[in-house]
Each structure stands twice: as structure tokens, then as C-alpha cells.
N, C-alpha and C. Protein backbone atom coordinates (compact mmCIF):
# COMPACT_ATOMS: atom_id res chain seq x y z
N MET A 1 -34.78 87.36 224.10
CA MET A 1 -34.56 87.21 222.66
C MET A 1 -34.06 88.52 222.04
N ILE A 2 -34.75 89.62 222.37
CA ILE A 2 -34.34 90.93 221.84
C ILE A 2 -32.96 91.30 222.34
N ASP A 3 -32.65 90.94 223.59
CA ASP A 3 -31.35 91.29 224.17
C ASP A 3 -30.21 90.63 223.42
N ILE A 4 -30.37 89.34 223.08
CA ILE A 4 -29.29 88.62 222.41
C ILE A 4 -29.09 89.16 220.99
N ILE A 5 -30.17 89.56 220.34
CA ILE A 5 -30.04 90.15 219.00
C ILE A 5 -29.33 91.50 219.09
N TYR A 6 -29.72 92.29 220.10
CA TYR A 6 -29.09 93.59 220.31
C TYR A 6 -27.60 93.45 220.57
N ILE A 7 -27.23 92.49 221.45
CA ILE A 7 -25.81 92.24 221.73
C ILE A 7 -25.09 91.77 220.47
N GLY A 8 -25.77 90.91 219.70
CA GLY A 8 -25.19 90.43 218.45
C GLY A 8 -24.89 91.56 217.49
N VAL A 9 -25.80 92.51 217.38
CA VAL A 9 -25.59 93.67 216.50
C VAL A 9 -24.36 94.46 216.95
N ILE A 10 -24.23 94.67 218.27
CA ILE A 10 -23.07 95.40 218.79
C ILE A 10 -21.77 94.66 218.46
N ILE A 11 -21.77 93.34 218.66
CA ILE A 11 -20.58 92.55 218.37
C ILE A 11 -20.25 92.62 216.87
N GLY A 12 -21.28 92.53 216.04
CA GLY A 12 -21.07 92.60 214.59
C GLY A 12 -20.43 93.91 214.17
N VAL A 13 -20.86 95.01 214.78
CA VAL A 13 -20.28 96.31 214.46
C VAL A 13 -18.84 96.39 214.95
N LEU A 14 -18.59 95.92 216.19
CA LEU A 14 -17.24 96.01 216.75
C LEU A 14 -16.24 95.17 215.97
N VAL A 15 -16.68 94.03 215.46
CA VAL A 15 -15.78 93.17 214.68
C VAL A 15 -15.50 93.78 213.30
N SER A 16 -16.49 94.42 212.71
CA SER A 16 -16.35 94.94 211.35
C SER A 16 -15.68 96.31 211.30
N ALA A 17 -15.81 97.09 212.38
CA ALA A 17 -15.40 98.49 212.33
C ALA A 17 -13.91 98.74 212.12
N PRO A 18 -13.00 97.96 212.72
CA PRO A 18 -11.57 98.26 212.49
C PRO A 18 -11.22 98.25 211.01
N MET A 19 -10.48 99.29 210.58
CA MET A 19 -10.16 99.43 209.16
C MET A 19 -8.90 98.65 208.80
N GLY A 20 -9.08 97.36 208.56
CA GLY A 20 -7.99 96.54 208.05
C GLY A 20 -8.01 96.51 206.54
N PRO A 21 -7.34 95.53 205.92
CA PRO A 21 -7.30 95.44 204.46
C PRO A 21 -8.68 95.38 203.81
N VAL A 22 -9.63 94.65 204.42
CA VAL A 22 -10.97 94.55 203.83
C VAL A 22 -11.69 95.89 203.88
N GLY A 23 -11.54 96.60 204.99
CA GLY A 23 -12.16 97.92 205.09
C GLY A 23 -11.62 98.89 204.05
N ILE A 24 -10.30 98.87 203.86
CA ILE A 24 -9.69 99.72 202.85
C ILE A 24 -10.18 99.32 201.47
N LEU A 25 -10.26 98.01 201.23
CA LEU A 25 -10.72 97.51 199.94
C LEU A 25 -12.16 97.97 199.67
N CYS A 26 -12.99 97.91 200.70
CA CYS A 26 -14.38 98.37 200.56
C CYS A 26 -14.44 99.85 200.20
N ILE A 27 -13.61 100.65 200.87
CA ILE A 27 -13.59 102.09 200.59
C ILE A 27 -13.06 102.35 199.18
N GLN A 28 -12.00 101.64 198.79
CA GLN A 28 -11.44 101.82 197.44
C GLN A 28 -12.48 101.54 196.36
N ARG A 29 -13.20 100.44 196.54
CA ARG A 29 -14.19 100.06 195.53
C ARG A 29 -15.38 101.00 195.53
N THR A 30 -15.74 101.52 196.69
CA THR A 30 -16.83 102.49 196.76
C THR A 30 -16.45 103.76 196.01
N LEU A 31 -15.20 104.21 196.21
CA LEU A 31 -14.74 105.43 195.56
C LEU A 31 -14.55 105.26 194.05
N SER A 32 -14.04 104.10 193.65
CA SER A 32 -13.68 103.92 192.24
C SER A 32 -14.80 103.34 191.39
N LYS A 33 -15.67 102.50 192.00
CA LYS A 33 -16.66 101.79 191.19
C LYS A 33 -18.10 102.01 191.64
N GLY A 34 -18.29 102.65 192.79
CA GLY A 34 -19.65 102.92 193.24
C GLY A 34 -20.01 102.18 194.52
N ARG A 35 -21.07 102.63 195.16
CA ARG A 35 -21.44 102.11 196.46
C ARG A 35 -21.83 100.64 196.44
N LEU A 36 -22.49 100.18 195.37
CA LEU A 36 -22.93 98.78 195.31
C LEU A 36 -21.73 97.82 195.32
N HIS A 37 -20.64 98.22 194.67
CA HIS A 37 -19.44 97.38 194.70
C HIS A 37 -18.85 97.37 196.11
N GLY A 38 -18.92 98.50 196.79
CA GLY A 38 -18.46 98.54 198.18
C GLY A 38 -19.32 97.66 199.08
N LEU A 39 -20.63 97.68 198.86
CA LEU A 39 -21.54 96.85 199.65
C LEU A 39 -21.30 95.37 199.38
N ALA A 40 -21.05 95.01 198.12
CA ALA A 40 -20.76 93.62 197.79
C ALA A 40 -19.50 93.16 198.52
N THR A 41 -18.51 94.04 198.59
CA THR A 41 -17.28 93.74 199.32
C THR A 41 -17.57 93.56 200.81
N GLY A 42 -18.37 94.46 201.38
CA GLY A 42 -18.73 94.35 202.78
C GLY A 42 -19.54 93.10 203.08
N ALA A 43 -20.42 92.71 202.15
CA ALA A 43 -21.25 91.52 202.34
C ALA A 43 -20.39 90.27 202.41
N GLY A 44 -19.33 90.21 201.60
CA GLY A 44 -18.42 89.06 201.66
C GLY A 44 -17.74 88.96 203.01
N ALA A 45 -17.31 90.11 203.53
CA ALA A 45 -16.68 90.14 204.85
C ALA A 45 -17.69 89.74 205.93
N ALA A 46 -18.93 90.21 205.81
CA ALA A 46 -19.96 89.91 206.79
C ALA A 46 -20.26 88.41 206.84
N LEU A 47 -20.29 87.76 205.68
CA LEU A 47 -20.54 86.31 205.65
C LEU A 47 -19.42 85.57 206.36
N SER A 48 -18.18 85.97 206.12
CA SER A 48 -17.06 85.35 206.81
C SER A 48 -17.17 85.56 208.32
N ASP A 49 -17.58 86.76 208.73
CA ASP A 49 -17.74 87.04 210.16
C ASP A 49 -18.79 86.13 210.79
N VAL A 50 -19.90 85.93 210.08
CA VAL A 50 -20.98 85.08 210.60
C VAL A 50 -20.49 83.63 210.75
N ILE A 51 -19.72 83.15 209.79
CA ILE A 51 -19.20 81.79 209.86
C ILE A 51 -18.27 81.62 211.06
N TYR A 52 -17.35 82.57 211.24
CA TYR A 52 -16.43 82.49 212.37
C TYR A 52 -17.18 82.64 213.70
N ALA A 53 -18.20 83.50 213.73
CA ALA A 53 -18.98 83.66 214.94
C ALA A 53 -19.72 82.36 215.28
N SER A 54 -20.24 81.68 214.28
CA SER A 54 -20.95 80.42 214.49
C SER A 54 -20.00 79.35 215.03
N VAL A 55 -18.80 79.27 214.43
CA VAL A 55 -17.82 78.29 214.88
C VAL A 55 -17.41 78.56 216.31
N THR A 56 -17.17 79.84 216.63
CA THR A 56 -16.77 80.21 217.99
C THR A 56 -17.89 79.91 218.99
N CYS A 57 -19.12 80.24 218.61
CA CYS A 57 -20.27 79.99 219.48
C CYS A 57 -20.43 78.49 219.74
N LEU A 58 -20.27 77.68 218.70
CA LEU A 58 -20.38 76.24 218.85
C LEU A 58 -19.27 75.71 219.75
N GLY A 59 -18.06 76.21 219.55
CA GLY A 59 -16.95 75.75 220.38
C GLY A 59 -17.13 76.12 221.84
N MET A 60 -17.64 77.33 222.09
CA MET A 60 -17.87 77.75 223.47
C MET A 60 -19.04 76.98 224.07
N GLY A 61 -20.00 76.59 223.22
CA GLY A 61 -21.13 75.81 223.70
C GLY A 61 -20.71 74.45 224.21
N VAL A 62 -19.64 73.88 223.63
CA VAL A 62 -19.15 72.57 224.06
C VAL A 62 -18.61 72.64 225.48
N ILE A 63 -18.03 73.79 225.85
CA ILE A 63 -17.45 73.94 227.19
C ILE A 63 -18.32 74.84 228.06
N ILE A 64 -19.64 74.75 227.86
CA ILE A 64 -20.57 75.65 228.54
C ILE A 64 -20.51 75.52 230.05
N ASN A 65 -20.28 74.30 230.57
CA ASN A 65 -20.21 74.12 232.02
C ASN A 65 -19.02 74.86 232.62
N PHE A 66 -17.90 74.82 231.88
CA PHE A 66 -16.72 75.55 232.33
C PHE A 66 -16.99 77.05 232.32
N ILE A 67 -17.67 77.53 231.27
CA ILE A 67 -18.00 78.95 231.16
C ILE A 67 -18.90 79.38 232.31
N GLU A 68 -19.90 78.54 232.61
CA GLU A 68 -20.84 78.86 233.69
C GLU A 68 -20.13 78.96 235.03
N ALA A 69 -19.17 78.05 235.27
CA ALA A 69 -18.48 78.02 236.56
C ALA A 69 -17.44 79.13 236.69
N ASN A 70 -17.01 79.68 235.56
CA ASN A 70 -15.95 80.70 235.58
C ASN A 70 -16.36 81.96 234.82
N GLN A 71 -17.63 82.33 234.93
CA GLN A 71 -18.15 83.44 234.12
C GLN A 71 -17.44 84.76 234.44
N ALA A 72 -17.26 85.06 235.73
CA ALA A 72 -16.63 86.33 236.11
C ALA A 72 -15.18 86.42 235.64
N PRO A 73 -14.33 85.40 235.93
CA PRO A 73 -12.95 85.52 235.43
C PRO A 73 -12.86 85.53 233.91
N LEU A 74 -13.76 84.84 233.22
CA LEU A 74 -13.76 84.85 231.77
C LEU A 74 -14.12 86.24 231.24
N GLN A 75 -15.08 86.90 231.90
CA GLN A 75 -15.44 88.26 231.50
C GLN A 75 -14.27 89.22 231.75
N LEU A 76 -13.56 88.98 232.86
CA LEU A 76 -12.37 89.79 233.15
C LEU A 76 -11.31 89.58 232.06
N PHE A 77 -11.06 88.31 231.73
CA PHE A 77 -10.09 87.98 230.69
C PHE A 77 -10.51 88.59 229.35
N GLY A 78 -11.80 88.45 229.02
CA GLY A 78 -12.31 88.99 227.76
C GLY A 78 -12.14 90.49 227.67
N SER A 79 -12.40 91.19 228.77
CA SER A 79 -12.27 92.65 228.79
C SER A 79 -10.81 93.07 228.60
N ILE A 80 -9.88 92.32 229.22
CA ILE A 80 -8.46 92.65 229.09
C ILE A 80 -8.00 92.44 227.65
N ILE A 81 -8.37 91.30 227.06
CA ILE A 81 -7.99 91.01 225.68
C ILE A 81 -8.58 92.06 224.74
N LEU A 82 -9.83 92.46 225.02
CA LEU A 82 -10.49 93.47 224.20
C LEU A 82 -9.74 94.79 224.28
N GLY A 83 -9.24 95.12 225.47
CA GLY A 83 -8.48 96.35 225.63
C GLY A 83 -7.20 96.35 224.81
N PHE A 84 -6.49 95.22 224.82
CA PHE A 84 -5.28 95.09 224.01
C PHE A 84 -5.60 95.19 222.52
N PHE A 85 -6.73 94.59 222.13
CA PHE A 85 -7.12 94.66 220.73
C PHE A 85 -7.43 96.10 220.33
N GLY A 86 -8.13 96.83 221.20
CA GLY A 86 -8.43 98.23 220.93
C GLY A 86 -7.17 99.06 220.79
N TYR A 87 -6.18 98.79 221.65
CA TYR A 87 -4.91 99.51 221.57
C TYR A 87 -4.19 99.19 220.27
N TYR A 88 -4.26 97.91 219.86
CA TYR A 88 -3.63 97.49 218.60
C TYR A 88 -4.27 98.22 217.42
N ILE A 89 -5.60 98.31 217.42
CA ILE A 89 -6.31 99.01 216.35
C ILE A 89 -5.94 100.49 216.35
N TYR A 90 -5.85 101.07 217.55
CA TYR A 90 -5.52 102.49 217.68
C TYR A 90 -4.15 102.79 217.10
N ARG A 91 -3.20 101.86 217.27
CA ARG A 91 -1.84 102.09 216.81
C ARG A 91 -1.57 101.57 215.40
N SER A 92 -2.50 100.81 214.82
CA SER A 92 -2.22 100.12 213.56
C SER A 92 -2.28 101.06 212.36
N ASN A 93 -1.58 100.65 211.32
CA ASN A 93 -1.61 101.35 210.04
C ASN A 93 -2.58 100.59 209.13
N PRO A 94 -3.74 101.15 208.81
CA PRO A 94 -4.74 100.42 208.03
C PRO A 94 -4.31 100.07 206.63
N MET A 95 -3.30 100.76 206.10
CA MET A 95 -2.86 100.50 204.73
C MET A 95 -1.85 99.35 204.65
N LYS A 96 -1.27 98.99 205.79
CA LYS A 96 -0.23 97.95 205.78
C LYS A 96 -0.81 96.59 205.42
N GLY A 97 -0.17 95.89 204.55
CA GLY A 97 -0.59 94.55 204.19
C GLY A 97 -1.65 94.49 203.12
N LEU A 98 -2.10 95.63 202.65
CA LEU A 98 -3.12 95.65 201.60
C LEU A 98 -2.45 95.53 200.24
N LYS A 99 -2.80 94.51 199.50
CA LYS A 99 -2.26 94.31 198.16
C LYS A 99 -3.06 95.14 197.17
N ARG A 100 -2.35 95.71 196.25
CA ARG A 100 -3.03 96.51 195.24
C ARG A 100 -3.90 95.61 194.37
N GLN A 101 -5.11 96.07 194.13
CA GLN A 101 -6.06 95.28 193.37
C GLN A 101 -6.02 95.58 191.87
N GLY A 102 -5.29 96.62 191.52
CA GLY A 102 -5.21 97.00 190.11
C GLY A 102 -6.49 97.68 189.67
N ASP A 103 -6.58 97.93 188.40
CA ASP A 103 -7.74 98.63 187.86
C ASP A 103 -8.73 97.69 187.18
N ARG A 104 -8.61 96.37 187.45
CA ARG A 104 -9.52 95.43 186.83
C ARG A 104 -10.94 95.69 187.28
N LYS A 105 -11.85 95.58 186.36
CA LYS A 105 -13.27 95.77 186.65
C LYS A 105 -13.85 94.43 187.12
N LEU A 106 -14.11 94.33 188.40
CA LEU A 106 -14.65 93.10 188.96
C LEU A 106 -16.16 93.15 189.01
N SER A 107 -16.79 92.00 188.89
CA SER A 107 -18.24 91.92 189.04
C SER A 107 -18.59 91.96 190.52
N TYR A 108 -19.87 92.09 190.82
CA TYR A 108 -20.31 92.07 192.20
C TYR A 108 -19.95 90.74 192.86
N THR A 109 -20.10 89.65 192.12
CA THR A 109 -19.77 88.32 192.67
C THR A 109 -18.30 88.23 192.99
N GLN A 110 -17.45 88.76 192.11
CA GLN A 110 -16.02 88.74 192.36
C GLN A 110 -15.65 89.64 193.55
N ASP A 111 -16.31 90.79 193.65
CA ASP A 111 -16.10 91.66 194.81
C ASP A 111 -16.44 90.91 196.09
N PHE A 112 -17.57 90.22 196.07
CA PHE A 112 -18.04 89.46 197.23
C PHE A 112 -17.05 88.36 197.60
N LEU A 113 -16.63 87.58 196.61
CA LEU A 113 -15.78 86.43 196.87
C LEU A 113 -14.38 86.84 197.31
N THR A 114 -13.82 87.88 196.70
CA THR A 114 -12.47 88.30 197.08
C THR A 114 -12.43 88.81 198.52
N SER A 115 -13.44 89.58 198.94
CA SER A 115 -13.46 90.08 200.31
C SER A 115 -13.76 88.95 201.29
N PHE A 116 -14.61 88.00 200.87
CA PHE A 116 -14.90 86.84 201.74
C PHE A 116 -13.63 86.05 202.00
N LEU A 117 -12.87 85.75 200.96
CA LEU A 117 -11.66 84.96 201.11
C LEU A 117 -10.60 85.72 201.91
N LEU A 118 -10.50 87.03 201.67
CA LEU A 118 -9.53 87.84 202.40
C LEU A 118 -9.86 87.86 203.89
N THR A 119 -11.14 88.01 204.24
CA THR A 119 -11.55 88.02 205.64
C THR A 119 -11.42 86.63 206.25
N PHE A 120 -11.80 85.61 205.49
CA PHE A 120 -11.79 84.23 206.00
C PHE A 120 -10.37 83.74 206.26
N SER A 121 -9.39 84.35 205.59
CA SER A 121 -8.00 83.94 205.80
C SER A 121 -7.47 84.39 207.16
N ASN A 122 -8.18 85.29 207.82
CA ASN A 122 -7.73 85.81 209.11
C ASN A 122 -8.36 84.98 210.24
N VAL A 123 -7.75 83.83 210.54
CA VAL A 123 -8.32 82.93 211.54
C VAL A 123 -8.23 83.49 212.96
N PHE A 124 -7.37 84.48 213.15
CA PHE A 124 -7.20 85.04 214.48
C PHE A 124 -8.42 85.82 214.97
N ILE A 125 -9.37 86.04 214.06
CA ILE A 125 -10.60 86.73 214.46
C ILE A 125 -11.37 85.91 215.49
N VAL A 126 -11.11 84.60 215.53
CA VAL A 126 -11.76 83.73 216.52
C VAL A 126 -11.45 84.21 217.93
N PHE A 127 -10.21 84.65 218.17
CA PHE A 127 -9.83 85.11 219.50
C PHE A 127 -10.58 86.40 219.87
N LEU A 128 -10.82 87.23 218.89
CA LEU A 128 -11.62 88.43 219.15
C LEU A 128 -13.05 88.05 219.51
N TYR A 129 -13.61 87.09 218.80
CA TYR A 129 -14.96 86.63 219.13
C TYR A 129 -15.02 86.03 220.53
N ILE A 130 -14.03 85.25 220.89
CA ILE A 130 -13.99 84.66 222.23
C ILE A 130 -14.01 85.77 223.28
N ALA A 131 -13.19 86.81 223.05
CA ALA A 131 -13.13 87.93 224.00
C ALA A 131 -14.47 88.66 224.07
N LEU A 132 -15.07 88.92 222.91
CA LEU A 132 -16.36 89.64 222.89
C LEU A 132 -17.47 88.80 223.49
N PHE A 133 -17.51 87.51 223.17
CA PHE A 133 -18.55 86.64 223.72
C PHE A 133 -18.44 86.56 225.23
N ALA A 134 -17.19 86.47 225.73
CA ALA A 134 -16.98 86.42 227.18
C ALA A 134 -17.35 87.75 227.83
N ARG A 135 -16.98 88.85 227.17
CA ARG A 135 -17.26 90.18 227.72
C ARG A 135 -18.75 90.44 227.83
N PHE A 136 -19.52 90.07 226.81
CA PHE A 136 -20.95 90.38 226.78
C PHE A 136 -21.84 89.23 227.25
N GLY A 137 -21.25 88.11 227.67
CA GLY A 137 -22.06 86.98 228.09
C GLY A 137 -22.94 86.46 226.96
N PHE A 138 -22.36 86.36 225.77
CA PHE A 138 -23.14 85.99 224.59
C PHE A 138 -23.53 84.52 224.60
N VAL A 139 -22.68 83.66 225.17
CA VAL A 139 -22.97 82.22 225.25
C VAL A 139 -23.25 81.87 226.71
N LEU A 140 -24.50 81.53 227.01
CA LEU A 140 -24.92 81.19 228.37
C LEU A 140 -25.62 79.84 228.39
N PRO A 141 -25.59 79.14 229.54
CA PRO A 141 -26.20 77.81 229.61
C PRO A 141 -27.68 77.80 229.27
N GLU A 142 -28.38 78.86 229.63
CA GLU A 142 -29.83 78.88 229.41
C GLU A 142 -30.23 79.22 227.97
N HIS A 143 -29.27 79.53 227.14
CA HIS A 143 -29.58 79.88 225.75
C HIS A 143 -29.87 78.62 224.93
N SER A 144 -31.02 78.63 224.28
CA SER A 144 -31.37 77.52 223.39
C SER A 144 -30.66 77.71 222.05
N ILE A 145 -30.74 76.69 221.21
CA ILE A 145 -30.15 76.79 219.87
C ILE A 145 -30.79 77.93 219.09
N TRP A 146 -32.10 78.10 219.24
CA TRP A 146 -32.82 79.15 218.53
C TRP A 146 -32.32 80.54 218.96
N ILE A 147 -32.10 80.72 220.25
CA ILE A 147 -31.60 82.00 220.75
C ILE A 147 -30.19 82.26 220.20
N SER A 148 -29.36 81.22 220.18
CA SER A 148 -28.00 81.37 219.65
C SER A 148 -28.04 81.75 218.17
N ILE A 149 -28.95 81.13 217.42
CA ILE A 149 -29.08 81.44 215.99
C ILE A 149 -29.49 82.90 215.80
N CYS A 150 -30.43 83.36 216.64
CA CYS A 150 -30.86 84.76 216.56
C CYS A 150 -29.69 85.70 216.88
N GLY A 151 -28.87 85.31 217.87
CA GLY A 151 -27.71 86.12 218.21
C GLY A 151 -26.71 86.19 217.07
N ILE A 152 -26.45 85.05 216.43
CA ILE A 152 -25.55 85.02 215.28
C ILE A 152 -26.12 85.87 214.15
N GLY A 153 -27.45 85.78 213.96
CA GLY A 153 -28.10 86.62 212.96
C GLY A 153 -27.90 88.10 213.26
N GLY A 154 -27.95 88.45 214.55
CA GLY A 154 -27.70 89.83 214.96
C GLY A 154 -26.29 90.28 214.61
N ILE A 155 -25.32 89.36 214.72
CA ILE A 155 -23.95 89.70 214.34
C ILE A 155 -23.87 90.02 212.85
N GLY A 156 -24.56 89.20 212.04
CA GLY A 156 -24.60 89.47 210.60
C GLY A 156 -25.25 90.80 210.29
N VAL A 157 -26.34 91.12 211.01
CA VAL A 157 -27.02 92.40 210.81
C VAL A 157 -26.11 93.56 211.19
N GLY A 158 -25.42 93.41 212.33
CA GLY A 158 -24.51 94.47 212.77
C GLY A 158 -23.39 94.71 211.79
N ALA A 159 -22.84 93.61 211.24
CA ALA A 159 -21.76 93.74 210.25
C ALA A 159 -22.25 94.47 209.01
N MET A 160 -23.43 94.08 208.50
CA MET A 160 -23.95 94.73 207.30
C MET A 160 -24.34 96.18 207.56
N LEU A 161 -24.84 96.47 208.76
CA LEU A 161 -25.16 97.86 209.12
C LEU A 161 -23.90 98.72 209.03
N TRP A 162 -22.78 98.17 209.52
CA TRP A 162 -21.53 98.93 209.46
C TRP A 162 -21.16 99.23 208.02
N TRP A 163 -21.23 98.21 207.15
CA TRP A 163 -20.83 98.43 205.76
C TRP A 163 -21.81 99.35 205.04
N LEU A 164 -23.07 99.29 205.40
CA LEU A 164 -24.05 100.23 204.83
C LEU A 164 -23.70 101.66 205.20
N VAL A 165 -23.35 101.86 206.47
CA VAL A 165 -23.03 103.21 206.95
C VAL A 165 -21.74 103.71 206.32
N ILE A 166 -20.69 102.87 206.33
CA ILE A 166 -19.38 103.33 205.84
C ILE A 166 -19.42 103.61 204.35
N THR A 167 -20.12 102.78 203.57
CA THR A 167 -20.20 103.04 202.13
C THR A 167 -21.04 104.28 201.84
N TYR A 168 -22.05 104.52 202.64
CA TYR A 168 -22.87 105.73 202.47
C TYR A 168 -22.03 106.98 202.74
N ILE A 169 -21.28 106.94 203.86
CA ILE A 169 -20.46 108.10 204.22
C ILE A 169 -19.40 108.36 203.16
N VAL A 170 -18.73 107.28 202.70
CA VAL A 170 -17.68 107.43 201.70
C VAL A 170 -18.24 107.97 200.39
N SER A 171 -19.40 107.44 199.97
CA SER A 171 -19.98 107.89 198.70
C SER A 171 -20.43 109.35 198.77
N LYS A 172 -20.88 109.80 199.95
CA LYS A 172 -21.33 111.18 200.10
C LYS A 172 -20.17 112.15 200.30
N LEU A 173 -19.11 111.67 200.91
CA LEU A 173 -17.98 112.56 201.23
C LEU A 173 -16.74 112.18 200.44
N ARG A 174 -16.91 111.60 199.27
CA ARG A 174 -15.77 111.10 198.51
C ARG A 174 -14.73 112.17 198.23
N ARG A 175 -15.15 113.42 198.12
CA ARG A 175 -14.21 114.50 197.82
C ARG A 175 -13.24 114.73 198.97
N TRP A 176 -13.71 114.48 200.21
CA TRP A 176 -12.88 114.75 201.38
C TRP A 176 -12.32 113.47 202.00
N PHE A 177 -12.66 112.32 201.44
CA PHE A 177 -12.22 111.07 202.05
C PHE A 177 -10.84 110.70 201.54
N ASN A 178 -9.87 110.56 202.47
CA ASN A 178 -8.51 110.23 202.10
C ASN A 178 -7.89 109.30 203.14
N ILE A 179 -6.60 109.07 203.00
CA ILE A 179 -5.89 108.16 203.91
C ILE A 179 -5.98 108.65 205.35
N ARG A 180 -5.86 109.95 205.54
CA ARG A 180 -5.91 110.49 206.90
C ARG A 180 -7.27 110.24 207.52
N SER A 181 -8.33 110.33 206.74
CA SER A 181 -9.67 110.06 207.26
C SER A 181 -9.78 108.63 207.76
N ILE A 182 -9.21 107.68 206.99
CA ILE A 182 -9.23 106.28 207.40
C ILE A 182 -8.41 106.09 208.67
N TRP A 183 -7.26 106.76 208.73
CA TRP A 183 -6.40 106.68 209.91
C TRP A 183 -7.13 107.20 211.14
N MET A 184 -7.83 108.32 211.02
CA MET A 184 -8.59 108.88 212.13
C MET A 184 -9.73 107.95 212.54
N LEU A 185 -10.37 107.31 211.55
CA LEU A 185 -11.45 106.38 211.86
C LEU A 185 -10.94 105.22 212.70
N ASN A 186 -9.74 104.71 212.37
CA ASN A 186 -9.14 103.64 213.16
C ASN A 186 -8.88 104.09 214.59
N LYS A 187 -8.42 105.34 214.74
CA LYS A 187 -8.18 105.87 216.08
C LYS A 187 -9.47 105.89 216.89
N ILE A 188 -10.56 106.35 216.26
CA ILE A 188 -11.85 106.44 216.96
C ILE A 188 -12.35 105.05 217.35
N VAL A 189 -12.27 104.11 216.40
CA VAL A 189 -12.72 102.74 216.67
C VAL A 189 -11.90 102.12 217.80
N GLY A 190 -10.58 102.33 217.77
CA GLY A 190 -9.72 101.81 218.82
C GLY A 190 -10.10 102.35 220.19
N ILE A 191 -10.38 103.65 220.25
CA ILE A 191 -10.77 104.27 221.52
C ILE A 191 -12.10 103.70 222.02
N ILE A 192 -13.06 103.50 221.11
CA ILE A 192 -14.36 102.93 221.50
C ILE A 192 -14.18 101.53 222.08
N ILE A 193 -13.36 100.71 221.42
CA ILE A 193 -13.14 99.35 221.91
C ILE A 193 -12.46 99.36 223.27
N ILE A 194 -11.50 100.26 223.46
CA ILE A 194 -10.83 100.38 224.76
C ILE A 194 -11.84 100.79 225.84
N LEU A 195 -12.74 101.72 225.51
CA LEU A 195 -13.76 102.15 226.47
C LEU A 195 -14.69 100.99 226.85
N VAL A 196 -15.09 100.19 225.84
CA VAL A 196 -15.92 99.01 226.13
C VAL A 196 -15.18 98.07 227.07
N SER A 197 -13.87 97.89 226.84
CA SER A 197 -13.06 97.05 227.71
C SER A 197 -13.01 97.59 229.13
N LEU A 198 -12.82 98.90 229.27
CA LEU A 198 -12.74 99.51 230.60
C LEU A 198 -14.07 99.40 231.34
N ILE A 199 -15.17 99.59 230.64
CA ILE A 199 -16.49 99.45 231.27
C ILE A 199 -16.67 98.02 231.78
N GLY A 200 -16.23 97.04 230.96
CA GLY A 200 -16.31 95.65 231.39
C GLY A 200 -15.48 95.39 232.63
N LEU A 201 -14.26 95.94 232.67
CA LEU A 201 -13.39 95.76 233.83
C LEU A 201 -14.01 96.37 235.08
N LEU A 202 -14.54 97.58 234.95
CA LEU A 202 -15.15 98.25 236.10
C LEU A 202 -16.35 97.49 236.62
N SER A 203 -17.16 96.93 235.71
CA SER A 203 -18.33 96.17 236.15
C SER A 203 -17.92 94.90 236.90
N ILE A 204 -16.84 94.25 236.44
CA ILE A 204 -16.35 93.05 237.11
C ILE A 204 -15.78 93.41 238.49
N PHE A 205 -15.01 94.50 238.55
CA PHE A 205 -14.43 94.92 239.82
C PHE A 205 -15.52 95.33 240.82
N TYR A 206 -16.62 95.86 240.30
CA TYR A 206 -17.72 96.24 241.18
C TYR A 206 -18.38 95.00 241.78
N ILE A 207 -18.56 93.97 240.94
CA ILE A 207 -19.20 92.74 241.42
C ILE A 207 -18.23 91.89 242.23
N ARG A 208 -16.98 91.82 241.76
CA ARG A 208 -15.97 91.00 242.43
C ARG A 208 -14.74 91.85 242.75
N PRO A 209 -14.82 92.69 243.79
CA PRO A 209 -13.71 93.61 244.09
C PRO A 209 -12.40 92.89 244.40
N GLU A 210 -12.46 91.61 244.79
CA GLU A 210 -11.23 90.89 245.10
C GLU A 210 -10.33 90.75 243.88
N TYR A 211 -10.91 90.87 242.70
CA TYR A 211 -10.10 90.77 241.47
C TYR A 211 -9.14 91.93 241.31
N LEU A 212 -9.39 93.02 242.04
CA LEU A 212 -8.48 94.16 242.00
C LEU A 212 -7.09 93.78 242.49
N LEU A 213 -7.03 92.75 243.35
CA LEU A 213 -5.73 92.32 243.90
C LEU A 213 -4.80 91.83 242.79
N ILE A 214 -5.38 91.38 241.66
CA ILE A 214 -4.55 90.92 240.54
C ILE A 214 -3.67 92.04 240.01
N PHE A 215 -4.19 93.29 240.09
CA PHE A 215 -3.48 94.43 239.50
C PHE A 215 -2.73 95.25 240.55
N LEU A 216 -2.79 94.79 241.79
CA LEU A 216 -2.13 95.53 242.87
C LEU A 216 -0.87 94.82 243.32
């Protein structure tokens, strides 16, 4: 039980950490309107993440027999996809695609809803969840519904932990926080995701060395 929650927290952080439009929006609101507005923005994104994680978990649960029979190749596939995603984050421009929000004073509810809708519009996050679930063995045949719910709850906790940390850092270092800082943060997150992918690949190659032939 503790293991699935712990894995869920890690997945929640990895999904939330890349600085896309929502991350920039959270930082903008923290700098301009205060930390609580940034947290409201992060909470909207976290709710969207939990919904997509639940949908992905349910979908993978339907094909659980296939997952059980092909666990090693799925983990290999997940690690490879994760590596490409990390490289994409490393090379991405976090400011691209962000629409200016103007100087309108939004309520906490509006902050929450706008970030929720912005995050929810990105349906491709499902593929990231599939890769992460496969990489960490998040969906297994022996997992009960209760265990899966606890794991999904861990993802929500991990997402909110990230937004708590990022809004705290931004509010404390607002004088030094700029575009370059966000760019560097994306580089660091991308490198971390690539390292997670490489560790997954090495563990699979250790257990199933014949898979090395795919790359030779």
C-alpha cells in the first residue's frame, strides 16, 4: 500500500514538473497576485492530472492480462517513450504557446478553473501516463480497486507537492526569478526524466539481456 502511494507521488511530481503554459501561468500569478493565486492555479492543474490518471489507470486495467503477459517489453517501451519526453522537455521553450492573460484580477475560483481547463485540453498527457505507469509497474493484476485509488491519490498529492514547492520558491526568490530561471528549470526536469528513463532501460536489460539485441 505504501509503495503504490510512494510511486504515485513520484508520478505526480514528474507529470507536473515540466514548465509548460500552466507552469508559467502559475509562476506569473504567484509573482503578480501572490502565492495563494499560484496555488489555486496549481490545484486546477492537479485535478486535471488526477482525472487523466484515473482514466488511464482504468483503461490499462481493462487490458490487465495483456499487461501481465508483456510486462517487460511494456516497461522497455515506457522507458523509451519517457526518454523522448525528457528530451522534448529539455529542448522545449516554456513560453511558447502561452496566451497572455492580461491584467484582469481573477478570483481563486477563476484561477482554478482556467488552469484546470488549460491542462485538461492537453489530451496527449494520457500517453505520458501510459509510459510512466508501464515504467513503474503502477497497474498490476494483484492491485485491488482500493490500492489503485490510493495510488491515484498519491499522484494528486505529488502534483500538489510540486505546486506547493514551486510557488514557495517563486514567492521567496521573486526578485531573482525570470525567464532564464524557468528555462533552466525545464533543463533540469528534462535531465531528471531522461535519467529515470535510462535507469528503467538498464534494469530491463539486466533482467532481460536479450532485449539489447534490439539496439544492436
